[in-house]
N, C-alpha and C. Protein backbone atom coordinates (compact mmCIF):
# COMPACT_ATOMS: atom_id res chain seq x y z
N MET A 1 211.34 143.98 91.37
CA MET A 1 210.98 144.18 90.02
C MET A 1 209.77 143.36 89.65
N ARG A 2 209.65 142.47 90.36
CA ARG A 2 208.49 141.67 90.07
C ARG A 2 207.24 142.42 90.44
N LEU A 3 207.37 143.25 91.28
CA LEU A 3 206.23 144.01 91.73
C LEU A 3 205.79 145.00 90.66
N ALA A 4 206.64 145.54 89.94
CA ALA A 4 206.28 146.52 88.92
C ALA A 4 205.43 145.90 87.81
N PRO A 5 205.79 144.78 87.27
CA PRO A 5 204.91 144.23 86.25
C PRO A 5 203.56 143.84 86.82
N LEU A 6 203.59 143.43 88.03
CA LEU A 6 202.32 143.05 88.64
C LEU A 6 201.43 144.27 88.82
N LEU A 7 202.00 145.35 89.27
CA LEU A 7 201.23 146.58 89.44
C LEU A 7 200.75 147.08 88.08
N LEU A 8 201.59 147.01 87.13
CA LEU A 8 201.23 147.45 85.80
C LEU A 8 200.06 146.60 85.25
N SER A 9 200.11 145.33 85.45
CA SER A 9 199.02 144.47 84.99
C SER A 9 197.75 144.77 85.75
N THR A 10 197.83 145.06 87.00
CA THR A 10 196.65 145.35 87.80
C THR A 10 196.01 146.64 87.30
N PHE A 11 196.90 147.64 87.05
CA PHE A 11 196.35 148.91 86.54
C PHE A 11 195.72 148.73 85.17
N LEU A 12 196.34 147.94 84.35
CA LEU A 12 195.79 147.71 83.02
C LEU A 12 194.47 146.96 83.10
N LEU A 13 194.42 145.97 83.96
CA LEU A 13 193.17 145.21 84.12
C LEU A 13 192.06 146.10 84.66
N ALA A 14 192.42 146.93 85.61
CA ALA A 14 191.42 147.82 86.21
C ALA A 14 190.91 148.79 85.16
N GLY A 15 191.78 149.28 84.32
CA GLY A 15 191.36 150.20 83.25
C GLY A 15 190.49 149.51 82.23
N CYS A 16 190.81 148.30 81.88
CA CYS A 16 189.98 147.54 80.92
C CYS A 16 188.64 147.22 81.51
N LYS A 17 188.65 146.90 82.82
CA LYS A 17 187.39 146.57 83.47
C LYS A 17 186.47 147.78 83.44
N ARG A 18 187.03 148.95 83.74
CA ARG A 18 186.23 150.18 83.75
C ARG A 18 185.69 150.46 82.35
N GLU A 19 186.52 150.30 81.34
CA GLU A 19 186.07 150.53 79.97
C GLU A 19 184.99 149.53 79.58
N ALA A 20 185.15 148.31 80.02
CA ALA A 20 184.15 147.28 79.72
C ALA A 20 182.84 147.61 80.42
N GLN A 21 182.94 148.10 81.67
CA GLN A 21 181.74 148.47 82.42
C GLN A 21 181.04 149.66 81.74
N GLU A 22 181.83 150.61 81.30
CA GLU A 22 181.26 151.78 80.61
C GLU A 22 180.60 151.35 79.30
N ALA A 23 181.25 150.45 78.56
CA ALA A 23 180.69 149.95 77.30
C ALA A 23 179.39 149.19 77.56
N ALA A 24 179.38 148.39 78.65
CA ALA A 24 178.16 147.63 79.00
C ALA A 24 177.05 148.60 79.37
N ALA A 25 177.38 149.65 80.12
CA ALA A 25 176.37 150.64 80.52
C ALA A 25 175.84 151.37 79.28
N GLN A 26 176.72 151.69 78.37
CA GLN A 26 176.27 152.35 77.13
C GLN A 26 175.39 151.42 76.31
N ALA A 27 175.75 150.15 76.26
CA ALA A 27 174.95 149.18 75.51
C ALA A 27 173.57 149.03 76.15
N LYS A 28 173.52 149.00 77.50
CA LYS A 28 172.24 148.91 78.20
C LYS A 28 171.39 150.15 77.89
N GLY A 29 172.02 151.31 77.90
CA GLY A 29 171.29 152.56 77.59
C GLY A 29 170.76 152.55 76.17
N ALA A 30 171.59 152.09 75.23
CA ALA A 30 171.17 152.02 73.83
C ALA A 30 170.03 151.02 73.66
N ALA A 31 170.12 149.88 74.39
CA ALA A 31 169.05 148.88 74.33
C ALA A 31 167.74 149.46 74.89
N ALA A 32 167.83 150.21 75.98
CA ALA A 32 166.63 150.82 76.58
C ALA A 32 166.02 151.84 75.61
N GLN A 33 166.87 152.64 74.96
CA GLN A 33 166.36 153.61 73.98
C GLN A 33 165.71 152.90 72.81
N ALA A 34 166.34 151.82 72.33
CA ALA A 34 165.77 151.05 71.21
C ALA A 34 164.43 150.45 71.62
N ARG A 35 164.32 149.92 72.85
CA ARG A 35 163.06 149.36 73.34
C ARG A 35 161.99 150.44 73.41
N SER A 36 162.36 151.60 73.92
CA SER A 36 161.42 152.72 74.02
C SER A 36 160.95 153.15 72.62
N ALA A 37 161.88 153.23 71.67
CA ALA A 37 161.52 153.62 70.30
C ALA A 37 160.61 152.56 69.69
N ALA A 38 160.88 151.28 69.94
CA ALA A 38 160.03 150.21 69.42
C ALA A 38 158.63 150.28 70.03
N ASP A 39 158.56 150.55 71.35
CA ASP A 39 157.25 150.68 72.01
C ASP A 39 156.46 151.85 71.43
N GLN A 40 157.14 152.96 71.21
CA GLN A 40 156.47 154.12 70.62
C GLN A 40 155.99 153.81 69.21
N ALA A 41 156.80 153.12 68.41
CA ALA A 41 156.41 152.76 67.04
C ALA A 41 155.21 151.82 67.07
N ALA A 42 155.20 150.86 68.00
CA ALA A 42 154.07 149.93 68.12
C ALA A 42 152.81 150.68 68.52
N ALA A 43 152.92 151.61 69.46
CA ALA A 43 151.77 152.40 69.90
C ALA A 43 151.25 153.24 68.74
N SER A 44 152.15 153.83 67.95
CA SER A 44 151.74 154.62 66.79
C SER A 44 151.03 153.74 65.77
N ALA A 45 151.55 152.55 65.56
CA ALA A 45 150.94 151.62 64.61
C ALA A 45 149.54 151.21 65.09
N ARG A 46 149.41 150.92 66.41
CA ARG A 46 148.08 150.57 66.95
C ARG A 46 147.11 151.74 66.80
N SER A 47 147.57 152.94 67.06
CA SER A 47 146.72 154.13 66.93
C SER A 47 146.29 154.33 65.48
N ALA A 48 147.24 154.16 64.55
CA ALA A 48 146.91 154.31 63.13
C ALA A 48 145.91 153.24 62.70
N ALA A 49 146.10 152.01 63.19
CA ALA A 49 145.17 150.92 62.85
C ALA A 49 143.77 151.22 63.41
N GLU A 50 143.70 151.73 64.64
CA GLU A 50 142.40 152.07 65.24
C GLU A 50 141.73 153.20 64.46
N GLN A 51 142.50 154.21 64.05
CA GLN A 51 141.94 155.30 63.25
C GLN A 51 141.43 154.78 61.91
N ALA A 52 142.18 153.88 61.31
CA ALA A 52 141.75 153.30 60.02
C ALA A 52 140.48 152.49 60.22
N ARG A 53 140.40 151.71 61.30
CA ARG A 53 139.21 150.91 61.60
C ARG A 53 138.00 151.83 61.82
N THR A 54 138.20 152.90 62.57
CA THR A 54 137.11 153.85 62.82
C THR A 54 136.65 154.51 61.52
N ALA A 55 137.61 154.91 60.69
CA ALA A 55 137.25 155.53 59.40
C ALA A 55 136.50 154.54 58.51
N THR A 56 136.93 153.29 58.52
CA THR A 56 136.25 152.25 57.73
C THR A 56 134.84 152.03 58.24
N ASP A 57 134.68 151.95 59.58
CA ASP A 57 133.35 151.77 60.17
C ASP A 57 132.43 152.95 59.83
N ASP A 58 132.97 154.16 59.91
CA ASP A 58 132.17 155.36 59.57
C ASP A 58 131.75 155.33 58.10
N ALA A 59 132.69 154.99 57.23
CA ALA A 59 132.37 154.94 55.79
C ALA A 59 131.32 153.86 55.52
N ALA A 60 131.43 152.72 56.18
CA ALA A 60 130.45 151.65 56.00
C ALA A 60 129.08 152.09 56.50
N ALA A 61 129.03 152.79 57.64
CA ALA A 61 127.76 153.28 58.17
C ALA A 61 127.13 154.29 57.22
N ARG A 62 127.93 155.19 56.66
CA ARG A 62 127.41 156.17 55.70
C ARG A 62 126.90 155.45 54.45
N ALA A 63 127.62 154.44 54.00
CA ALA A 63 127.19 153.69 52.82
C ALA A 63 125.88 152.97 53.10
N ARG A 64 125.74 152.37 54.30
CA ARG A 64 124.47 151.70 54.65
C ARG A 64 123.33 152.70 54.70
N ALA A 65 123.57 153.88 55.29
CA ALA A 65 122.52 154.89 55.37
C ALA A 65 122.11 155.36 53.97
N THR A 66 123.08 155.56 53.10
CA THR A 66 122.78 155.97 51.73
C THR A 66 122.00 154.88 51.01
N LEU A 67 122.39 153.64 51.22
CA LEU A 67 121.68 152.51 50.60
C LEU A 67 120.24 152.43 51.12
N ASP A 68 120.06 152.63 52.43
CA ASP A 68 118.71 152.61 53.00
C ASP A 68 117.85 153.73 52.40
N GLN A 69 118.43 154.92 52.23
CA GLN A 69 117.69 156.03 51.62
C GLN A 69 117.33 155.70 50.19
N ALA A 70 118.26 155.11 49.47
CA ALA A 70 117.99 154.75 48.07
C ALA A 70 116.88 153.71 48.01
N ARG A 71 116.92 152.73 48.91
CA ARG A 71 115.86 151.71 48.94
C ARG A 71 114.51 152.35 49.24
N ALA A 72 114.49 153.26 50.22
CA ALA A 72 113.23 153.93 50.57
C ALA A 72 112.71 154.76 49.40
N ALA A 73 113.61 155.45 48.72
CA ALA A 73 113.20 156.26 47.56
C ALA A 73 112.66 155.36 46.45
N ALA A 74 113.32 154.24 46.23
CA ALA A 74 112.86 153.31 45.19
C ALA A 74 111.49 152.73 45.57
N ALA A 75 111.32 152.40 46.83
CA ALA A 75 110.02 151.86 47.27
C ALA A 75 108.95 152.93 47.12
N GLY A 76 109.28 154.18 47.49
CA GLY A 76 108.32 155.27 47.33
C GLY A 76 107.96 155.51 45.88
N ALA A 77 108.96 155.44 45.00
CA ALA A 77 108.69 155.62 43.57
C ALA A 77 107.81 154.49 43.05
N GLY A 78 108.09 153.27 43.52
CA GLY A 78 107.26 152.14 43.11
C GLY A 78 105.83 152.30 43.59
N ASP A 79 105.67 152.73 44.85
CA ASP A 79 104.32 152.96 45.38
C ASP A 79 103.61 154.06 44.60
N SER A 80 104.33 155.13 44.31
CA SER A 80 103.74 156.23 43.55
C SER A 80 103.31 155.78 42.16
N ALA A 81 104.17 154.97 41.53
CA ALA A 81 103.83 154.47 40.19
C ALA A 81 102.60 153.57 40.26
N ARG A 82 102.53 152.70 41.29
CA ARG A 82 101.34 151.83 41.45
C ARG A 82 100.09 152.67 41.68
N GLN A 83 100.20 153.71 42.51
CA GLN A 83 99.05 154.57 42.78
C GLN A 83 98.62 155.28 41.50
N GLY A 84 99.60 155.73 40.71
CA GLY A 84 99.27 156.39 39.45
C GLY A 84 98.56 155.44 38.50
N LEU A 85 99.05 154.21 38.42
CA LEU A 85 98.39 153.22 37.56
C LEU A 85 97.00 152.89 38.07
N ASP A 86 96.87 152.75 39.40
CA ASP A 86 95.55 152.47 39.97
C ASP A 86 94.59 153.61 39.68
N SER A 87 95.08 154.85 39.85
CA SER A 87 94.24 156.02 39.59
C SER A 87 93.84 156.10 38.13
N ALA A 88 94.81 155.85 37.24
CA ALA A 88 94.50 155.88 35.81
C ALA A 88 93.49 154.80 35.46
N GLY A 89 93.69 153.62 36.04
CA GLY A 89 92.74 152.53 35.80
C GLY A 89 91.36 152.87 36.32
N LYS A 90 91.31 153.50 37.48
CA LYS A 90 90.03 153.91 38.07
C LYS A 90 89.35 154.96 37.18
N SER A 91 90.14 155.92 36.70
CA SER A 91 89.59 156.96 35.83
C SER A 91 89.03 156.34 34.55
N LEU A 92 89.76 155.40 33.98
CA LEU A 92 89.27 154.75 32.76
C LEU A 92 87.99 153.97 33.05
N LYS A 93 87.94 153.28 34.18
CA LYS A 93 86.74 152.54 34.54
C LYS A 93 85.57 153.49 34.74
N GLU A 94 85.83 154.64 35.39
CA GLU A 94 84.76 155.61 35.62
C GLU A 94 84.25 156.18 34.30
N LEU A 95 85.18 156.49 33.40
CA LEU A 95 84.75 157.01 32.11
C LEU A 95 83.96 155.97 31.35
N ALA A 96 84.41 154.73 31.42
CA ALA A 96 83.70 153.66 30.72
C ALA A 96 82.35 153.38 31.37
N ALA A 97 82.22 153.69 32.67
CA ALA A 97 80.97 153.44 33.37
C ALA A 97 79.93 154.53 33.07
N GLY A 98 80.35 155.61 32.43
CA GLY A 98 79.42 156.69 32.08
C GLY A 98 78.45 156.24 30.99
N ASP A 99 77.41 157.05 30.80
CA ASP A 99 76.38 156.69 29.83
C ASP A 99 75.53 157.92 29.57
N GLN A 100 74.45 157.72 28.89
CA GLN A 100 73.47 158.78 28.64
C GLN A 100 72.12 158.29 29.12
N LEU A 101 71.30 159.24 29.49
CA LEU A 101 69.93 158.89 29.80
C LEU A 101 69.03 160.01 29.32
N GLU A 102 67.86 159.64 28.80
CA GLU A 102 66.89 160.62 28.30
C GLU A 102 65.64 160.55 29.15
N GLY A 103 65.03 161.71 29.35
CA GLY A 103 63.79 161.75 30.11
C GLY A 103 63.39 163.19 30.36
N GLU A 104 62.45 163.35 31.31
CA GLU A 104 61.96 164.68 31.67
C GLU A 104 62.71 165.18 32.89
N LEU A 105 63.04 166.47 32.87
CA LEU A 105 63.72 167.11 33.99
C LEU A 105 62.72 167.26 35.14
N VAL A 106 63.06 166.70 36.30
CA VAL A 106 62.19 166.81 37.46
C VAL A 106 62.63 168.02 38.30
N SER A 107 63.94 168.15 38.53
CA SER A 107 64.46 169.32 39.26
C SER A 107 65.95 169.49 38.94
N SER A 108 66.42 170.72 39.18
CA SER A 108 67.84 171.00 38.96
C SER A 108 68.30 172.03 39.97
N GLY A 109 68.29 171.67 41.23
CA GLY A 109 68.69 172.60 42.28
C GLY A 109 70.06 172.29 42.83
N GLY A 110 70.82 173.32 43.14
CA GLY A 110 72.15 173.14 43.74
C GLY A 110 73.07 172.35 42.83
N THR A 111 73.61 171.27 43.35
CA THR A 111 74.52 170.44 42.56
C THR A 111 73.89 169.08 42.24
N GLU A 112 72.56 169.02 42.31
CA GLU A 112 71.87 167.78 41.96
C GLU A 112 70.88 168.03 40.85
N LEU A 113 70.67 166.98 40.09
CA LEU A 113 69.76 167.02 38.96
C LEU A 113 68.96 165.73 39.03
N THR A 114 67.62 165.83 38.93
CA THR A 114 66.80 164.61 38.89
C THR A 114 66.06 164.56 37.57
N VAL A 115 66.06 163.36 37.00
CA VAL A 115 65.45 163.13 35.69
C VAL A 115 64.58 161.88 35.81
N ARG A 116 63.38 161.94 35.17
CA ARG A 116 62.52 160.77 35.10
C ARG A 116 62.65 160.19 33.69
N PRO A 117 63.38 159.07 33.55
CA PRO A 117 63.51 158.45 32.24
C PRO A 117 62.18 157.80 31.83
N ARG A 118 62.15 157.33 30.64
CA ARG A 118 60.93 156.70 30.13
C ARG A 118 60.55 155.46 30.95
N SER A 119 61.55 154.86 31.60
CA SER A 119 61.27 153.68 32.43
C SER A 119 60.46 154.05 33.67
N GLY A 120 60.44 155.35 34.02
CA GLY A 120 59.63 155.82 35.13
C GLY A 120 60.37 155.98 36.44
N THR A 121 61.52 155.37 36.63
CA THR A 121 62.27 155.48 37.88
C THR A 121 63.08 156.77 37.86
N VAL A 122 62.89 157.62 38.87
CA VAL A 122 63.60 158.90 38.94
C VAL A 122 65.08 158.64 39.24
N GLU A 123 65.93 159.30 38.45
CA GLU A 123 67.39 159.16 38.59
C GLU A 123 67.97 160.48 39.09
N THR A 124 68.89 160.39 40.06
CA THR A 124 69.55 161.58 40.58
C THR A 124 71.00 161.56 40.12
N LEU A 125 71.42 162.71 39.57
CA LEU A 125 72.81 162.87 39.13
C LEU A 125 73.36 164.13 39.78
N HIS A 126 74.66 164.25 39.80
CA HIS A 126 75.30 165.44 40.37
C HIS A 126 75.80 166.33 39.24
N THR A 127 75.91 167.62 39.53
CA THR A 127 76.46 168.59 38.58
C THR A 127 77.61 169.33 39.27
N ASP A 128 78.45 169.94 38.46
CA ASP A 128 79.49 170.81 39.01
C ASP A 128 79.72 171.96 38.05
N ALA A 129 80.73 172.76 38.29
CA ALA A 129 80.99 173.95 37.47
C ALA A 129 81.35 173.58 36.03
N ARG A 130 81.77 172.36 35.78
CA ARG A 130 82.15 171.95 34.42
C ARG A 130 80.97 171.39 33.63
N THR A 131 79.83 171.20 34.28
CA THR A 131 78.66 170.66 33.58
C THR A 131 78.19 171.68 32.55
N ARG A 132 78.01 171.21 31.30
CA ARG A 132 77.55 172.10 30.22
C ARG A 132 76.04 171.93 30.03
N TRP A 133 75.37 173.05 29.85
CA TRP A 133 73.92 173.07 29.60
C TRP A 133 73.74 173.56 28.16
N ILE A 134 73.11 172.75 27.31
CA ILE A 134 72.95 173.07 25.89
C ILE A 134 71.46 173.21 25.58
N LEU A 135 71.10 174.39 25.06
CA LEU A 135 69.70 174.68 24.72
C LEU A 135 69.67 175.14 23.26
N HIS A 136 68.92 174.45 22.41
CA HIS A 136 68.82 174.74 20.97
C HIS A 136 70.20 174.79 20.31
N GLY A 137 71.09 173.86 20.70
CA GLY A 137 72.41 173.73 20.08
C GLY A 137 73.44 174.73 20.58
N ALA A 138 73.10 175.58 21.54
CA ALA A 138 74.05 176.59 22.03
C ALA A 138 74.18 176.46 23.55
N ALA A 139 75.29 176.95 24.06
CA ALA A 139 75.52 176.91 25.51
C ALA A 139 74.51 177.81 26.20
N ALA A 140 74.01 177.34 27.31
CA ALA A 140 73.02 178.09 28.09
C ALA A 140 73.27 177.81 29.56
N GLY A 141 72.53 178.46 30.42
CA GLY A 141 72.59 178.20 31.85
C GLY A 141 71.46 177.28 32.24
N LYS A 142 71.51 176.74 33.45
CA LYS A 142 70.45 175.82 33.86
C LYS A 142 69.12 176.53 34.05
N GLU A 143 69.15 177.87 34.07
CA GLU A 143 67.90 178.63 34.21
C GLU A 143 66.99 178.43 33.00
N GLY A 144 67.55 178.10 31.85
CA GLY A 144 66.76 177.92 30.64
C GLY A 144 66.02 176.58 30.59
N PHE A 145 66.21 175.75 31.58
CA PHE A 145 65.61 174.42 31.61
C PHE A 145 64.56 174.39 32.71
N GLY A 146 63.31 174.22 32.32
CA GLY A 146 62.23 174.18 33.31
C GLY A 146 61.83 172.75 33.62
N THR A 147 61.06 172.61 34.67
CA THR A 147 60.55 171.30 35.06
C THR A 147 59.71 170.72 33.93
N GLY A 148 59.94 169.44 33.66
CA GLY A 148 59.20 168.75 32.60
C GLY A 148 59.87 168.85 31.24
N ALA A 149 60.96 169.61 31.10
CA ALA A 149 61.66 169.75 29.82
C ALA A 149 62.30 168.41 29.45
N PRO A 150 62.15 167.99 28.16
CA PRO A 150 62.82 166.75 27.74
C PRO A 150 64.33 167.01 27.59
N VAL A 151 65.15 166.12 28.21
CA VAL A 151 66.61 166.31 28.21
C VAL A 151 67.32 164.98 27.94
N ARG A 152 68.53 165.14 27.43
CA ARG A 152 69.46 164.01 27.31
C ARG A 152 70.64 164.37 28.20
N VAL A 153 70.92 163.51 29.16
CA VAL A 153 72.00 163.77 30.12
C VAL A 153 73.14 162.79 29.84
N THR A 154 74.32 163.35 29.58
CA THR A 154 75.53 162.54 29.43
C THR A 154 76.27 162.62 30.77
N TYR A 155 76.68 161.47 31.29
CA TYR A 155 77.33 161.49 32.61
C TYR A 155 78.50 160.51 32.66
N ILE A 156 79.34 160.74 33.64
CA ILE A 156 80.44 159.82 33.96
C ILE A 156 80.25 159.40 35.42
N VAL A 157 80.95 158.36 35.81
CA VAL A 157 80.93 157.95 37.21
C VAL A 157 82.27 158.38 37.80
N GLN A 158 82.20 159.24 38.82
CA GLN A 158 83.41 159.75 39.45
C GLN A 158 83.28 159.56 40.95
N ASP A 159 84.23 158.88 41.54
CA ASP A 159 84.22 158.57 42.97
C ASP A 159 82.91 157.91 43.37
N GLY A 160 82.41 157.05 42.50
CA GLY A 160 81.20 156.29 42.79
C GLY A 160 79.90 157.05 42.57
N GLN A 161 79.96 158.31 42.14
CA GLN A 161 78.75 159.10 41.91
C GLN A 161 78.64 159.43 40.43
N ARG A 162 77.40 159.47 39.95
CA ARG A 162 77.19 159.86 38.56
C ARG A 162 77.25 161.39 38.47
N LEU A 163 78.15 161.88 37.62
CA LEU A 163 78.36 163.31 37.44
C LEU A 163 77.96 163.68 36.03
N ALA A 164 76.96 164.57 35.92
CA ALA A 164 76.49 165.01 34.60
C ALA A 164 77.54 165.91 33.98
N THR A 165 77.98 165.56 32.77
CA THR A 165 78.94 166.40 32.06
C THR A 165 78.24 167.32 31.08
N GLN A 166 77.07 166.88 30.59
CA GLN A 166 76.31 167.68 29.62
C GLN A 166 74.81 167.39 29.76
N ILE A 167 74.03 168.47 29.82
CA ILE A 167 72.57 168.34 29.81
C ILE A 167 72.10 169.10 28.58
N GLU A 168 71.41 168.37 27.70
CA GLU A 168 71.01 168.94 26.41
C GLU A 168 69.47 168.85 26.28
N ALA A 169 68.87 169.98 25.92
CA ALA A 169 67.41 169.98 25.67
C ALA A 169 67.18 169.27 24.35
N ILE A 170 66.19 168.38 24.31
CA ILE A 170 65.88 167.65 23.07
C ILE A 170 64.41 167.88 22.74
N ALA A 171 64.08 167.65 21.46
CA ALA A 171 62.68 167.80 21.04
C ALA A 171 61.90 166.59 21.48
N ARG A 172 60.63 166.81 21.74
CA ARG A 172 59.76 165.71 22.20
C ARG A 172 59.37 164.82 21.10
């Protein structure tokens, strides 16, 4: 009879051992699955962080490019404004540099006009399509002005050259 309780205890111990081994194996499997899930979550987090970093870098690059374009546009506008002011200043200086001169018409061929003022030094001026020719108070063509005709020439200085704006016949 002693053998029966001993056998019974052995069977019970063997059954508990097997259940414990199965529980340990299940726990190991669950731990491996948890580790795998944690690794996947970490990889997903790293990927999301890298995507966010890339998106941030791209946005920063676009912002820098936009800023560079804005700076270039502002510099161009500043240059344009300076050129406009310089041009306006030059135009005002040229208009202020204009004058009148009286004398005898020496020649009026092509786009040049030569006049001998009372001082005696022959002066050459340029003409263009806007030059007005006035004879007896009315508009006329340069054909009405002969050599030796007394004239008053009003001119401006444009691009460093004297440009006649009006040639008027005057009485001697």
